[in-house]
Amino acid sequence: MSTSPTPAGPSPAASVSAGAREARLTTLLVFGAMAIGAILQIWIPPGPTTLVAATGGASLVVLGLSFVVPGRLRSTLSGFRFTSSLLIALAIFAILGTLILQGKPAELYRAKYPAVAGLILALRFDDIFHGLPYAGLMALFGAAILASASLRLPLSARRAGFFIAHVGLLVSGAGAAASSMLSVRGRIDLFAGGDVAHQVRVTRGGVATGAFEKLPFQLRLDQFDLVNYETEYRIGYYEKVRIVREGVVMDDFKLKTSFDAYRVDVFNSRAEPIPDLDRHRLPGGDSFRVKAFYPDFEVATRTTPASEGPPALLVTLAGRSTWLQAGEVVSTPDGTLAVAFGQQRPAPPPGVSTSVLVSMSDRQAVVHRADGDGAQPLAEGLSLLGGVVRIDRLLAHSARGAFYQTRSREPRNPAVVIETSVHGLVSETLATAAQPRGVFLRDGQSALVFEKRDKEVKAFLSHVTAGQGPTFARAVISVNDPFDFGGWTLYQVNYNPEDPTYSGLEAVRDPGVLWVFVGFALICVGVFYMLYVEPRFRGGGIDRQAPVAPADS
């Protein structure tokens, strides 16, 4: 029996050699693109024009070389190893661009990143997405898309999904390039009452550039409304941060978050506020909780029996009970009647027509009037002047201490007792909203403040009229509801709490954003086609056609 010979495949050594060459070429391309970009960036500053020109030009150069240079350059560009390595490099740039503020003044970087500010500015990481290293990576990505498509020519129905998806990638990239080059972002400041805007102050990174862009329409602010939250009392957590204000670097406390000091019991028919006793963890390991909440705070005194100390008397005068120690006096609001208490018989209070003089040593209560005195033995429960004065309790020795209480359930003078745990040390602090003061935590770099949130803005609304020739449109612009007109999108971004007529709008014109979304749609169509349509051309099976070998292999 004869056996047909089996075709010999590539040897393992040859496969390893080819894989190693592809890995070396991938490393050379990725790191070479970043290195060349970093060197050229010494003389060429970052910017939208730099990004688009460098990306487009370098993509065509790399693609052209892949057709004429011997070796596996084109197949490497279209390979999975190269694409994954490129995406990792782009992800690193995205992480750096997220961690490092972009497009800010140099003073801010020196203040916020003092140890590495020089390196950030030297490597142009303050504008990382418009620099040449990033452009080099994007150029390789564009070349990889075109190289991958060229290896799968000619176009056929079985491969239409692949080409549709890749066209979508190119359209999205072209839209992003148009946005980078042609988009305009700026500010419009308007005042209610008919103020009209004809142009936009162009900004970059939130900072005015001094340039202006003319609007193709007129924009009038008819009315500006502020919608406020109801007044509430919260505990704010502040941290000290380094800021730049009018070109001067300074430290300031900035609100990071806030916590409820109390909550309303919805199951209580009186809707009485109760303290939020949950313990809250803070950055650095510190924590705090609200130990007590007083809606209408006052400091009261409490008198209690003691083994030593001055004598004390609990007396009710005109329906109000008061503890008196020796030498103290209580009188009615109109000042016509008073009760004085002492170890010996006290002198009548001046200017009072009728007074009750209580002596502890004589055990007497003397009713003093201008026409004479009348004395009665001192005893608990003694009633004088027809019940207007009543002796409720006598203490031979007493101690007096202060305690906190609330006069009512209404938030007239709210206060809280904050229990903090800092470095394991637990302490309590009384904080009032009427006199907000910081309860400082670690090294004075953070603090808790019990404060009143009064007239805190919930929303701000601009009622505008836009006109372009005979076309007019009216709209209400809010933070989450922009207004599109004449190719521009208007966002509500600012207001002035000291001037209720002022409205700050951000105007954006981005001609490339539509093409970016068109590209996304084409990618979705292409992927759907590859997953659900192409298998029908293969009879439900998998296309096992051998990959197209590069012409130079």
Protein backbone atom coordinates (compact mmCIF):
# COMPACT_ATOMS: atom_id res chain seq x y z
CA MET A 1 0.00 0.00 0.00
CA SER A 2 1.41 3.28 -0.99
CA THR A 3 1.10 6.39 1.14
CA SER A 4 0.82 9.86 -0.31
CA PRO A 5 3.53 12.19 0.95
CA THR A 6 2.45 14.92 3.38
CA PRO A 7 3.49 18.45 2.48
CA ALA A 8 6.09 19.73 4.86
CA GLY A 9 5.16 22.87 6.79
CA PRO A 10 7.47 25.49 8.16
CA SER A 11 9.87 24.20 10.76
CA PRO A 12 9.48 25.33 14.40
CA ALA A 13 12.80 27.12 14.17
CA ALA A 14 11.60 29.10 11.16
CA SER A 15 8.37 30.04 12.95
CA VAL A 16 10.26 31.22 16.01
CA SER A 17 12.62 33.22 13.83
CA ALA A 18 9.73 34.89 11.98
CA GLY A 19 7.97 35.71 15.27
CA ALA A 20 11.14 37.17 16.74
CA ARG A 21 11.69 39.33 13.67
CA GLU A 22 8.10 40.59 13.88
CA ALA A 23 8.48 41.39 17.58
CA ARG A 24 11.73 43.31 16.94
CA LEU A 25 10.13 45.23 14.07
CA THR A 26 7.08 46.07 16.22
CA THR A 27 9.31 47.37 19.01
CA LEU A 28 11.36 49.39 16.54
CA LEU A 29 8.29 50.99 14.98
CA VAL A 30 6.50 51.89 18.22
CA PHE A 31 9.48 53.17 20.16
CA GLY A 32 11.01 54.74 17.08
CA ALA A 33 7.85 56.75 16.39
CA MET A 34 7.79 58.07 19.97
CA ALA A 35 11.54 58.80 20.02
CA ILE A 36 11.54 60.65 16.69
CA GLY A 37 8.48 62.62 17.78
CA ALA A 38 10.12 63.55 21.10
CA ILE A 39 13.26 64.80 19.33
CA LEU A 40 11.39 66.81 16.70
CA GLN A 41 9.15 68.24 19.40
CA ILE A 42 12.13 70.22 20.70
CA TRP A 43 11.67 72.56 17.74
CA ILE A 44 8.04 71.92 16.73
CA PRO A 45 5.52 72.89 19.43
CA PRO A 46 2.38 70.81 20.02
CA GLY A 47 -0.90 71.92 18.51
CA PRO A 48 -3.86 70.77 16.42
CA THR A 49 -2.07 71.59 13.16
CA THR A 50 1.02 69.71 14.30
CA LEU A 51 -1.05 66.66 15.25
CA VAL A 52 -3.05 66.45 12.02
CA ALA A 53 -0.18 67.22 9.66
CA ALA A 54 2.25 64.85 11.37
CA THR A 55 -0.29 62.03 11.65
CA GLY A 56 -1.42 62.22 8.02
CA GLY A 57 2.03 62.69 6.54
CA ALA A 58 3.73 60.00 8.62
CA SER A 59 0.91 57.51 7.93
CA LEU A 60 1.42 57.85 4.16
CA VAL A 61 5.20 57.62 4.51
CA VAL A 62 5.04 54.42 6.59
CA LEU A 63 2.43 52.90 4.27
CA GLY A 64 4.51 53.74 1.21
CA LEU A 65 7.62 52.20 2.76
CA SER A 66 5.67 49.03 3.53
CA PHE A 67 5.16 48.53 -0.23
CA VAL A 68 8.77 49.15 -1.32
CA VAL A 69 10.97 48.02 1.58
CA PRO A 70 11.86 44.32 1.43
CA GLY A 71 10.79 42.20 4.36
CA ARG A 72 7.63 41.80 6.39
CA LEU A 73 6.87 45.47 7.17
CA ARG A 74 3.37 45.47 5.67
CA SER A 75 2.35 42.15 7.23
CA THR A 76 3.75 43.31 10.58
CA LEU A 77 1.67 46.49 10.42
CA SER A 78 -1.49 44.44 9.86
CA GLY A 79 -0.66 41.85 12.52
CA PHE A 80 -2.26 41.36 15.91
CA ARG A 81 1.03 41.74 17.80
CA PHE A 82 1.65 45.18 16.33
CA THR A 83 -1.94 46.37 16.90
CA SER A 84 -2.00 45.23 20.52
CA SER A 85 1.40 46.82 21.24
CA LEU A 86 0.25 50.06 19.64
CA LEU A 87 -2.96 50.11 21.67
CA ILE A 88 -0.97 49.58 24.89
CA ALA A 89 1.24 52.57 24.02
CA LEU A 90 -1.82 54.71 23.25
CA ALA A 91 -3.41 53.62 26.53
CA ILE A 92 -0.30 54.77 28.43
CA PHE A 93 -0.55 58.17 26.76
CA ALA A 94 -4.25 58.31 27.68
CA ILE A 95 -3.41 57.55 31.33
CA LEU A 96 -0.73 60.25 31.42
CA GLY A 97 -3.10 62.75 29.80
CA THR A 98 -5.71 61.94 32.45
CA LEU A 99 -3.36 62.17 35.44
CA ILE A 100 -1.67 65.37 34.24
CA LEU A 101 -3.80 68.47 33.72
CA GLN A 102 -3.75 69.57 30.09
CA GLY A 103 -3.41 73.02 28.59
CA LYS A 104 -2.81 74.93 31.85
CA PRO A 105 -0.35 77.76 32.60
CA ALA A 106 3.21 76.75 33.50
CA GLU A 107 2.81 78.25 37.00
CA LEU A 108 0.09 75.74 37.79
CA TYR A 109 2.32 72.77 36.97
CA ARG A 110 5.13 74.15 39.14
CA ALA A 111 2.65 74.56 41.99
CA LYS A 112 0.75 71.27 41.57
CA TYR A 113 3.63 68.98 40.49
CA PRO A 114 6.71 70.64 42.05
CA ALA A 115 8.91 67.53 41.81
CA VAL A 116 8.27 66.78 38.12
CA ALA A 117 7.01 70.10 36.74
CA GLY A 118 10.23 70.67 34.76
CA LEU A 119 10.02 67.21 33.18
CA ILE A 120 6.33 67.68 32.29
CA LEU A 121 6.99 70.99 30.58
CA ALA A 122 10.17 69.78 28.86
CA LEU A 123 8.49 66.70 27.40
CA ARG A 124 5.39 68.74 26.50
CA PHE A 125 3.17 66.49 28.60
CA ASP A 126 1.06 69.57 29.33
CA ASP A 127 -0.38 69.10 25.81
CA ILE A 128 0.26 65.41 25.30
CA PHE A 129 -2.55 64.73 22.80
CA HIS A 130 -1.32 67.39 20.37
CA GLY A 131 2.37 66.46 20.54
CA LEU A 132 4.55 64.65 17.98
CA PRO A 133 5.07 61.41 20.02
CA TYR A 134 1.31 60.93 20.14
CA ALA A 135 1.06 61.89 16.47
CA GLY A 136 3.66 59.21 15.66
CA LEU A 137 1.56 56.53 17.33
CA MET A 138 -1.58 57.73 15.55
CA ALA A 139 0.32 57.67 12.25
CA LEU A 140 1.24 54.04 12.83
CA PHE A 141 -2.39 53.29 13.64
CA GLY A 142 -3.53 54.85 10.36
CA ALA A 143 -0.84 53.00 8.40
CA ALA A 144 -1.88 49.74 10.07
CA ILE A 145 -5.50 50.22 8.97
CA LEU A 146 -4.51 50.87 5.35
CA ALA A 147 -1.92 48.09 5.28
CA SER A 148 -4.39 45.57 6.68
CA ALA A 149 -6.96 46.57 4.05
CA SER A 150 -4.42 46.35 1.21
CA LEU A 151 -3.59 42.73 2.12
CA ARG A 152 -7.24 41.74 1.71
CA LEU A 153 -7.86 43.23 -1.73
CA PRO A 154 -9.76 42.81 -3.95
CA LEU A 155 -13.04 43.80 -2.36
CA SER A 156 -15.69 41.07 -2.35
CA ALA A 157 -19.05 40.44 -0.72
CA ARG A 158 -17.45 37.90 1.59
CA ARG A 159 -15.09 40.55 2.95
CA ALA A 160 -17.31 43.62 2.73
CA GLY A 161 -17.77 43.79 6.52
CA PHE A 162 -14.03 44.06 7.08
CA PHE A 163 -13.72 46.94 4.62
CA ILE A 164 -16.81 48.71 5.98
CA ALA A 165 -15.38 48.58 9.52
CA HIS A 166 -12.01 49.89 8.34
CA VAL A 167 -13.64 52.68 6.36
CA GLY A 168 -15.47 53.55 9.58
CA LEU A 169 -12.14 53.79 11.41
CA LEU A 170 -10.76 56.10 8.73
CA VAL A 171 -13.91 58.28 8.70
CA SER A 172 -13.80 58.60 12.50
CA GLY A 173 -10.13 59.53 12.32
CA ALA A 174 -10.82 62.11 9.62
CA GLY A 175 -13.67 63.54 11.72
CA ALA A 176 -11.40 63.74 14.75
CA ALA A 177 -8.78 65.53 12.61
CA ALA A 178 -11.41 68.00 11.39
CA SER A 179 -12.50 68.60 14.97
CA SER A 180 -8.92 69.19 16.07
CA MET A 181 -8.22 71.64 13.24
CA LEU A 182 -11.52 73.41 12.73
CA SER A 183 -13.46 73.27 15.98
CA VAL A 184 -13.94 76.48 17.92
CA ARG A 185 -14.72 76.70 21.63
CA GLY A 186 -15.37 79.98 23.35
CA ARG A 187 -17.31 82.02 25.86
CA ILE A 188 -20.29 84.33 25.50
CA ASP A 189 -21.15 86.71 28.34
CA LEU A 190 -24.69 88.08 28.28
CA PHE A 191 -26.89 90.15 30.56
CA ALA A 192 -30.65 89.80 30.79
CA GLY A 193 -32.83 92.47 29.32
CA GLY A 194 -31.99 92.21 25.63
CA ASP A 195 -28.18 92.02 25.58
CA VAL A 196 -27.11 90.72 22.14
CA ALA A 197 -23.93 88.77 21.26
CA HIS A 198 -22.35 88.77 17.79
CA GLN A 199 -19.06 87.00 18.53
CA VAL A 200 -17.36 84.45 20.75
CA ARG A 201 -14.25 84.87 22.90
CA VAL A 202 -12.13 81.87 21.88
CA THR A 203 -10.74 79.79 24.75
CA ARG A 204 -8.20 77.00 24.99
CA GLY A 205 -8.07 74.84 28.07
CA GLY A 206 -10.67 77.12 29.63
CA VAL A 207 -8.40 80.18 29.26
CA ALA A 208 -9.18 83.06 26.90
CA THR A 209 -6.72 83.29 23.99
CA GLY A 210 -7.55 86.89 23.09
CA ALA A 211 -9.03 85.84 19.74
CA PHE A 212 -12.64 86.31 18.69
CA GLU A 213 -14.83 84.29 16.31
CA LYS A 214 -17.79 85.93 14.61
CA LEU A 215 -21.13 84.21 15.05
CA PRO A 216 -23.26 83.68 11.91
CA PHE A 217 -26.30 84.74 13.96
CA GLN A 218 -27.35 87.08 16.74
CA LEU A 219 -27.98 85.75 20.23
CA ARG A 220 -30.10 87.71 22.72
CA LEU A 221 -30.60 86.92 26.41
CA ASP A 222 -34.23 87.64 27.23
CA GLN A 223 -34.31 86.35 30.81
CA PHE A 224 -32.06 84.55 33.29
CA ASP A 225 -33.43 82.43 36.15
CA LEU A 226 -31.77 80.86 39.18
CA VAL A 227 -33.48 77.88 40.81
CA ASN A 228 -32.29 77.29 44.40
CA TYR A 229 -32.39 74.29 46.69
CA GLU A 230 -34.19 74.59 49.99
CA THR A 231 -32.02 75.75 52.90
CA GLU A 232 -30.19 72.87 54.55
CA TYR A 233 -27.35 72.36 57.02
CA ARG A 234 -24.49 70.01 56.12
CA ILE A 235 -20.99 69.10 57.21
CA GLY A 236 -18.49 70.02 54.51
CA TYR A 237 -15.11 68.31 54.14
CA TYR A 238 -12.42 70.75 52.94
CA GLU A 239 -8.85 70.08 51.86
CA LYS A 240 -6.03 72.58 51.40
CA VAL A 241 -4.97 72.79 47.75
CA ARG A 242 -2.47 74.86 45.78
CA ILE A 243 -4.16 77.21 43.32
CA VAL A 244 -3.20 80.00 40.97
CA ARG A 245 -5.34 83.12 41.34
CA GLU A 246 -4.60 86.13 39.14
CA GLY A 247 -1.12 84.78 38.50
CA VAL A 248 -0.33 84.29 42.21
CA VAL A 249 0.22 80.79 43.66
CA MET A 250 -1.53 80.38 47.01
CA ASP A 251 -3.02 77.80 49.35
CA ASP A 252 -6.76 77.65 49.81
CA PHE A 253 -9.30 75.25 51.26
CA LYS A 254 -11.54 73.61 48.66
CA LEU A 255 -14.77 71.72 49.33
CA LYS A 256 -14.28 68.06 48.42
CA THR A 257 -17.56 66.56 49.60
CA SER A 258 -20.29 67.07 52.18
CA PHE A 259 -22.30 64.90 54.57
CA ASP A 260 -25.76 64.99 56.08
CA ALA A 261 -25.83 66.28 59.65
CA TYR A 262 -29.38 65.08 60.21
CA ARG A 263 -32.29 63.48 58.45
CA VAL A 264 -36.03 63.79 58.79
CA ASP A 265 -37.87 60.74 60.06
CA VAL A 266 -40.61 60.27 57.47
CA PHE A 267 -42.42 57.90 59.84
CA ASN A 268 -42.65 60.58 62.51
CA SER A 269 -45.78 62.68 62.09
CA ARG A 270 -43.95 65.64 63.66
CA ALA A 271 -41.21 65.39 60.99
CA GLU A 272 -38.63 65.88 63.73
CA PRO A 273 -35.01 66.00 62.49
CA ILE A 274 -32.78 63.32 63.99
CA PRO A 275 -28.97 63.19 63.86
CA ASP A 276 -27.22 61.10 61.24
CA LEU A 277 -25.14 58.90 63.55
CA ASP A 278 -23.29 56.99 60.82
CA ARG A 279 -19.50 57.09 61.03
CA HIS A 280 -17.86 58.46 57.89
CA ARG A 281 -14.38 57.48 56.72
CA LEU A 282 -12.19 60.30 55.42
CA PRO A 283 -9.03 60.26 53.26
CA GLY A 284 -5.92 59.34 55.22
CA GLY A 285 -7.77 57.06 57.65
CA ASP A 286 -9.50 59.74 59.77
CA SER A 287 -13.20 59.41 60.54
CA PHE A 288 -16.02 61.32 62.18
CA ARG A 289 -19.64 61.04 63.20
CA VAL A 290 -22.38 63.40 64.37
CA LYS A 291 -22.86 62.61 68.03
CA ALA A 292 -25.71 65.08 68.64
CA PHE A 293 -27.81 67.55 66.67
CA TYR A 294 -29.64 70.56 68.14
CA PRO A 295 -32.05 72.37 65.75
CA ASP A 296 -32.45 75.39 68.06
CA PHE A 297 -29.30 75.33 70.17
CA GLU A 298 -28.86 76.91 73.60
CA VAL A 299 -26.59 76.36 76.59
CA ALA A 300 -28.58 75.67 79.76
CA THR A 301 -27.50 75.07 83.35
CA ARG A 302 -28.40 72.19 85.62
CA THR A 303 -28.30 72.34 89.42
CA THR A 304 -27.86 69.07 91.34
CA PRO A 305 -27.39 68.12 95.01
CA ALA A 306 -23.79 67.93 96.20
CA SER A 307 -21.82 67.12 99.35
CA GLU A 308 -20.42 70.64 99.39
CA GLY A 309 -21.06 73.92 97.65
CA PRO A 310 -23.48 76.84 97.95
CA PRO A 311 -27.15 76.40 98.85
CA ALA A 312 -29.68 76.44 96.04
CA LEU A 313 -33.35 77.21 95.67
CA LEU A 314 -35.76 76.07 92.95
CA VAL A 315 -38.43 78.75 92.65
CA THR A 316 -41.34 79.18 90.26
CA LEU A 317 -42.11 82.80 89.43
CA ALA A 318 -45.12 83.57 87.22
CA GLY A 319 -45.09 80.04 85.86
CA ARG A 320 -41.35 79.84 85.12
CA SER A 321 -39.06 77.64 87.24
CA THR A 322 -35.50 78.77 87.95
CA TRP A 323 -32.67 77.51 90.13
CA LEU A 324 -31.06 80.21 92.25
CA GLN A 325 -27.81 80.00 94.17
CA ALA A 326 -26.89 82.35 97.03
CA GLY A 327 -26.65 85.93 95.79
CA GLU A 328 -28.83 85.47 92.68
CA VAL A 329 -32.12 87.20 91.74
CA VAL A 330 -34.89 86.36 89.28
CA SER A 331 -37.63 88.81 88.27
CA THR A 332 -40.70 88.99 86.07
CA PRO A 333 -40.31 90.39 82.53
CA ASP A 334 -41.90 93.71 83.53
CA GLY A 335 -39.59 94.06 86.53
CA THR A 336 -42.37 94.60 89.10
CA LEU A 337 -41.77 91.38 91.07
CA ALA A 338 -38.53 89.63 92.01
CA VAL A 339 -37.22 86.76 94.14
CA ALA A 340 -33.79 87.12 95.80
CA PHE A 341 -31.97 84.25 97.52
CA GLY A 342 -29.03 84.30 99.93
CA GLN A 343 -27.38 82.55 102.84
CA GLN A 344 -28.43 85.53 104.92
CA ARG A 345 -31.44 87.68 104.24
CA PRO A 346 -30.71 89.50 100.94
CA ALA A 347 -31.35 93.19 100.36
CA PRO A 348 -34.42 94.11 98.28
CA PRO A 349 -33.54 94.46 94.58
CA PRO A 350 -33.58 98.14 93.59
CA GLY A 351 -36.44 99.40 91.45
CA VAL A 352 -38.74 96.45 92.23
CA SER A 353 -42.04 97.30 93.94
CA THR A 354 -42.57 93.81 95.40
CA SER A 355 -39.87 91.27 96.22
CA VAL A 356 -39.59 87.94 97.99
CA LEU A 357 -36.41 87.70 100.08
CA VAL A 358 -35.44 84.10 100.89
CA SER A 359 -32.88 83.46 103.63
CA MET A 360 -31.33 80.02 103.99
CA SER A 361 -29.88 80.53 107.46
CA ASP A 362 -33.06 82.10 108.89
CA ARG A 363 -35.26 79.64 106.98
CA GLN A 364 -37.61 82.50 106.13
CA ALA A 365 -39.33 83.91 103.08
CA VAL A 366 -40.08 87.63 103.49
CA VAL A 367 -42.51 89.43 101.19
CA HIS A 368 -41.18 92.97 100.97
CA ARG A 369 -43.41 95.89 99.89
CA ALA A 370 -43.20 99.59 100.27
CA ASP A 371 -45.87 99.44 103.04
CA GLY A 372 -44.06 96.77 105.06
CA ASP A 373 -42.74 93.19 105.25
CA GLY A 374 -44.41 89.87 105.86
CA ALA A 375 -42.40 86.75 106.83
CA GLN A 376 -43.27 83.06 106.56
CA PRO A 377 -41.28 79.94 107.50
CA LEU A 378 -39.30 78.60 104.53
CA ALA A 379 -40.44 75.20 103.34
CA GLU A 380 -40.69 73.25 100.08
CA GLY A 381 -44.11 73.77 98.48
CA LEU A 382 -44.61 77.22 100.08
CA SER A 383 -46.92 79.40 97.95
CA LEU A 384 -46.78 83.20 98.12
CA LEU A 385 -48.67 86.13 96.58
CA GLY A 386 -51.62 84.00 95.58
CA GLY A 387 -49.49 81.33 93.91
CA VAL A 388 -47.45 83.73 91.75
CA VAL A 389 -44.36 82.62 93.70
CA ARG A 390 -43.81 79.02 94.79
CA ILE A 391 -40.86 77.49 96.61
CA ASP A 392 -40.31 74.10 94.93
CA ARG A 393 -37.06 72.74 96.39
CA LEU A 394 -34.24 73.59 98.77
CA LEU A 395 -30.67 72.25 98.65
CA ALA A 396 -28.20 72.81 101.47
CA HIS A 397 -25.30 72.21 99.04
CA SER A 398 -25.41 72.22 95.27
CA ALA A 399 -23.31 71.96 92.11
CA ARG A 400 -24.08 73.70 88.86
CA GLY A 401 -23.06 72.54 85.37
CA ALA A 402 -23.81 73.54 81.79
CA PHE A 403 -25.48 71.29 79.23
CA TYR A 404 -26.69 71.60 75.63
CA GLN A 405 -30.33 71.52 74.64
CA THR A 406 -32.70 72.69 71.91
CA ARG A 407 -35.42 75.23 72.50
CA SER A 408 -37.56 73.90 69.66
CA ARG A 409 -37.58 71.53 66.68
CA GLU A 410 -37.30 74.44 64.24
CA PRO A 411 -33.82 75.01 62.75
CA ARG A 412 -33.44 78.52 64.17
CA ASN A 413 -29.93 78.04 65.57
CA PRO A 414 -28.64 74.63 64.45
CA ALA A 415 -25.60 73.08 66.11
CA VAL A 416 -23.91 69.68 66.11
CA VAL A 417 -21.44 67.83 68.28
CA ILE A 418 -18.84 66.28 65.94
CA GLU A 419 -16.85 63.33 67.21
CA THR A 420 -13.57 62.95 65.28
CA SER A 421 -10.99 60.19 65.30
CA VAL A 422 -7.59 61.50 64.14
CA HIS A 423 -4.54 59.24 64.46
CA GLY A 424 -6.64 57.14 66.85
CA LEU A 425 -7.32 60.14 69.14
CA VAL A 426 -11.05 60.67 69.71
CA SER A 427 -12.32 64.17 70.50
CA GLU A 428 -15.61 66.08 70.47
CA THR A 429 -16.24 69.58 69.14
CA LEU A 430 -19.36 71.74 69.25
CA ALA A 431 -19.99 73.44 65.88
CA THR A 432 -22.71 75.98 65.17
CA ALA A 433 -23.96 77.07 61.75
CA ALA A 434 -24.26 80.67 62.93
CA GLN A 435 -20.47 80.80 63.50
CA PRO A 436 -18.96 78.19 61.18
CA ARG A 437 -15.43 77.23 62.19
CA GLY A 438 -13.21 74.46 60.93
CA VAL A 439 -12.67 71.28 62.92
CA PHE A 440 -9.13 70.59 61.70
CA LEU A 441 -7.91 67.08 61.04
CA ARG A 442 -4.46 65.86 59.90
CA ASP A 443 -1.71 68.50 60.12
CA GLY A 444 -4.17 71.30 59.43
CA GLN A 445 -4.48 70.23 55.78
CA SER A 446 -8.16 69.28 56.02
CA ALA A 447 -11.12 70.36 58.09
CA LEU A 448 -14.81 69.71 58.75
CA VAL A 449 -17.19 72.67 58.74
CA PHE A 450 -20.82 72.64 59.85
CA GLU A 451 -22.38 75.21 57.57
CA LYS A 452 -25.63 76.53 56.23
CA ARG A 453 -26.33 75.86 52.58
CA ASP A 454 -28.57 78.79 51.87
CA LYS A 455 -29.73 79.63 48.37
CA GLU A 456 -27.50 76.93 46.91
CA VAL A 457 -28.15 76.94 43.20
CA LYS A 458 -29.96 73.93 41.82
CA ALA A 459 -30.14 75.09 38.20
CA PHE A 460 -29.61 78.22 36.14
CA LEU A 461 -31.62 78.85 33.00
CA SER A 462 -31.04 81.23 30.11
CA HIS A 463 -34.04 82.20 27.99
CA VAL A 464 -32.52 83.18 24.64
CA THR A 465 -33.58 84.20 21.14
CA ALA A 466 -31.30 83.39 18.19
CA GLY A 467 -31.77 85.03 14.80
CA GLN A 468 -30.14 84.37 11.45
CA GLY A 469 -31.72 86.40 8.68
CA PRO A 470 -35.44 85.71 8.66
CA THR A 471 -35.00 82.61 10.86
CA PHE A 472 -35.58 82.96 14.59
CA ALA A 473 -35.62 80.41 17.37
CA ARG A 474 -36.30 80.67 21.10
CA ALA A 475 -34.92 78.23 23.64
CA VAL A 476 -34.17 77.72 27.32
CA ILE A 477 -30.55 76.68 27.88
CA SER A 478 -29.66 74.78 31.06
CA VAL A 479 -26.63 72.80 32.18
CA ASN A 480 -27.89 69.50 30.77
CA ASP A 481 -29.93 70.92 27.93
CA PRO A 482 -27.82 72.76 25.29
CA PHE A 483 -29.19 74.68 22.29
CA ASP A 484 -28.13 74.01 18.68
CA PHE A 485 -28.43 76.80 16.14
CA GLY A 486 -26.54 77.88 13.04
CA GLY A 487 -23.93 75.11 13.33
CA TRP A 488 -23.08 76.05 16.92
CA THR A 489 -23.99 74.36 20.22
CA LEU A 490 -24.56 76.63 23.22
CA TYR A 491 -24.06 75.29 26.76
CA GLN A 492 -24.95 76.91 30.08
CA VAL A 493 -21.74 76.96 32.14
CA ASN A 494 -21.65 79.95 34.48
CA TYR A 495 -23.52 82.58 36.45
CA ASN A 496 -22.68 85.36 38.93
CA PRO A 497 -24.36 85.03 42.36
CA GLU A 498 -23.81 88.76 42.90
CA ASP A 499 -25.45 89.71 39.58
CA PRO A 500 -28.68 87.79 38.86
CA THR A 501 -28.82 89.21 35.32
CA TYR A 502 -25.53 87.66 34.12
CA SER A 503 -25.32 84.40 32.15
CA GLY A 504 -22.14 82.69 30.96
CA LEU A 505 -22.51 80.45 27.91
CA GLU A 506 -20.02 78.21 26.18
CA ALA A 507 -20.27 78.14 22.38
CA VAL A 508 -18.88 75.18 20.45
CA ARG A 509 -18.61 74.68 16.70
CA ASP A 510 -17.31 71.22 15.80
CA PRO A 511 -17.69 70.26 12.13
CA GLY A 512 -15.94 66.94 12.64
CA VAL A 513 -18.12 65.44 15.35
CA LEU A 514 -20.79 64.31 12.86
CA TRP A 515 -18.18 62.37 10.86
CA VAL A 516 -16.87 60.76 14.02
CA PHE A 517 -20.32 59.35 14.73
CA VAL A 518 -20.76 58.34 11.08
CA GLY A 519 -17.52 56.39 11.42
CA PHE A 520 -18.79 54.70 14.59
CA ALA A 521 -21.96 53.71 12.75
CA LEU A 522 -19.93 52.22 9.88
CA ILE A 523 -17.82 50.23 12.36
CA CYS A 524 -20.98 48.80 13.91
CA VAL A 525 -22.38 47.92 10.48
CA GLY A 526 -19.10 46.29 9.48
CA VAL A 527 -18.86 44.20 12.63
CA PHE A 528 -22.51 43.12 12.27
CA TYR A 529 -21.84 42.16 8.65
CA MET A 530 -18.80 40.08 9.60
CA LEU A 531 -20.63 38.25 12.38
CA TYR A 532 -24.04 37.62 10.80
CA VAL A 533 -23.84 38.12 7.02
CA GLU A 534 -20.46 36.82 5.90
CA PRO A 535 -21.07 33.28 7.30
CA ARG A 536 -23.92 32.94 4.78
CA PHE A 537 -21.42 33.33 1.93
CA ARG A 538 -19.35 30.54 3.50
CA GLY A 539 -22.23 28.16 3.94
CA GLY A 540 -22.35 28.71 7.67
CA GLY A 541 -18.77 27.60 8.09
CA ILE A 542 -15.58 29.40 8.85
CA ASP A 543 -13.59 30.99 6.08
CA ARG A 544 -10.42 28.91 6.04
CA GLN A 545 -8.89 30.60 3.06
CA ALA A 546 -5.19 30.94 3.58
CA PRO A 547 -4.09 34.45 4.48
CA VAL A 548 -2.70 36.49 1.68
CA ALA A 549 1.06 36.28 1.78
CA PRO A 550 2.90 39.54 1.41
CA ALA A 551 4.51 40.04 -1.95
CA ASP A 552 7.96 40.39 -0.44
CA SER A 553 7.91 37.20 1.67
